[in-house]
Protein backbone atom coordinates (compact mmCIF):
# COMPACT_ATOMS: atom_id res chain seq x y z
CA UNK A 1 104.53 -68.14 -10.88
CA UNK A 2 104.24 -71.76 -9.83
CA UNK A 3 101.12 -73.23 -8.24
CA UNK A 4 103.14 -73.80 -5.07
CA UNK A 5 104.10 -70.14 -4.77
CA UNK A 6 100.57 -69.04 -5.65
CA UNK A 7 99.13 -71.24 -2.89
CA UNK A 8 101.74 -70.03 -0.40
CA UNK A 9 100.89 -66.41 -1.18
CA UNK A 10 97.17 -67.20 -0.89
CA UNK A 11 97.78 -68.60 2.60
CA UNK A 12 99.72 -65.48 3.57
CA UNK A 13 96.95 -63.24 2.21
CA UNK A 14 94.30 -65.10 4.19
CA UNK A 15 96.37 -64.75 7.35
CA UNK A 16 96.81 -61.02 6.76
CA UNK A 17 93.13 -60.49 6.05
CA UNK A 18 92.15 -62.25 9.26
CA UNK A 19 94.71 -60.34 11.30
CA UNK A 20 94.08 -56.88 9.88
CA UNK A 21 91.95 -55.83 12.84
CA UNK A 22 89.26 -54.03 10.84
CA UNK A 23 86.91 -56.89 11.58
CA UNK A 24 86.86 -56.47 15.35
CA UNK A 25 83.19 -55.57 15.18
CA UNK A 26 82.11 -58.66 13.22
CA UNK A 27 79.37 -60.87 14.61
CA UNK A 28 80.83 -63.70 16.74
CA UNK A 29 80.04 -66.42 14.18
CA UNK A 30 81.80 -64.57 11.38
CA UNK A 31 84.78 -63.83 13.62
CA UNK A 32 85.04 -67.54 14.49
CA UNK A 33 84.99 -68.35 10.78
CA UNK A 34 87.83 -65.91 10.11
CA UNK A 35 89.79 -67.38 13.01
CA UNK A 36 89.31 -70.84 11.49
CA UNK A 37 90.45 -69.59 8.09
CA UNK A 38 93.55 -68.03 9.66
CA UNK A 39 94.47 -71.29 11.43
CA UNK A 40 94.03 -73.25 8.21
CA UNK A 41 96.07 -70.74 6.23
CA UNK A 42 98.91 -70.86 8.76
CA UNK A 43 98.84 -74.66 8.70
CA UNK A 44 98.91 -74.59 4.90
CA UNK A 45 101.84 -72.17 4.75
CA UNK A 46 103.75 -74.26 7.30
CA UNK A 47 103.11 -77.45 5.35
CA UNK A 48 104.28 -75.87 2.10
CA UNK A 49 107.44 -74.65 3.83
CA UNK A 50 108.15 -78.01 5.51
CA UNK A 51 107.48 -80.09 2.40
CA UNK A 52 109.57 -78.00 0.00
CA UNK A 53 113.04 -77.34 1.43
CA UNK A 54 114.50 -76.94 -2.05
CA UNK A 55 112.11 -74.02 -2.66
CA UNK A 56 112.87 -72.07 0.54
CA UNK A 57 114.56 -69.23 -1.38
CA UNK A 58 111.51 -68.89 -3.65
CA UNK A 59 109.15 -69.06 -0.66
CA UNK A 60 111.12 -66.39 1.21
CA UNK A 61 110.97 -64.17 -1.87
CA UNK A 62 107.20 -64.71 -2.10
CA UNK A 63 106.88 -63.89 1.60
CA UNK A 64 108.80 -60.65 1.10
CA UNK A 65 106.73 -59.72 -1.95
CA UNK A 66 103.46 -60.43 -0.12
CA UNK A 67 104.56 -58.48 2.99
CA UNK A 68 101.96 -60.28 5.14
CA UNK A 69 100.82 -59.63 8.68
CA UNK A 70 102.87 -62.64 9.75
CA UNK A 71 106.47 -63.54 10.45
CA UNK A 72 108.70 -66.07 8.76
CA UNK A 73 109.35 -67.51 12.20
CA UNK A 74 105.66 -68.55 12.37
CA UNK A 75 105.92 -70.20 8.96
CA UNK A 76 109.18 -72.00 9.67
CA UNK A 77 107.70 -73.84 12.65
CA UNK A 78 106.83 -77.43 11.87
CA UNK A 79 103.18 -78.19 11.10
CA UNK A 80 101.23 -79.34 14.15
CA UNK A 81 101.84 -83.04 14.78
CA UNK A 82 104.90 -83.20 12.51
CA UNK A 83 107.73 -83.86 14.93
């Protein structure tokens, strides 16, 4: 597996972890940290998608294999500030 796909899957895993809902009873500071990690992971996944159009088939396959708590529609949106 390429480094690009590995990083994309890592981003998806971080998003899923943060969205799983089991952490609803975390202390506020830890919850804020997880929210920050989720935002960064989404930004990273979006950047990978936007910067690698030739790899979209591979990235879609990685998305399907990871089965994250996210949608491809979220990932396909341009990174913030990139329009």
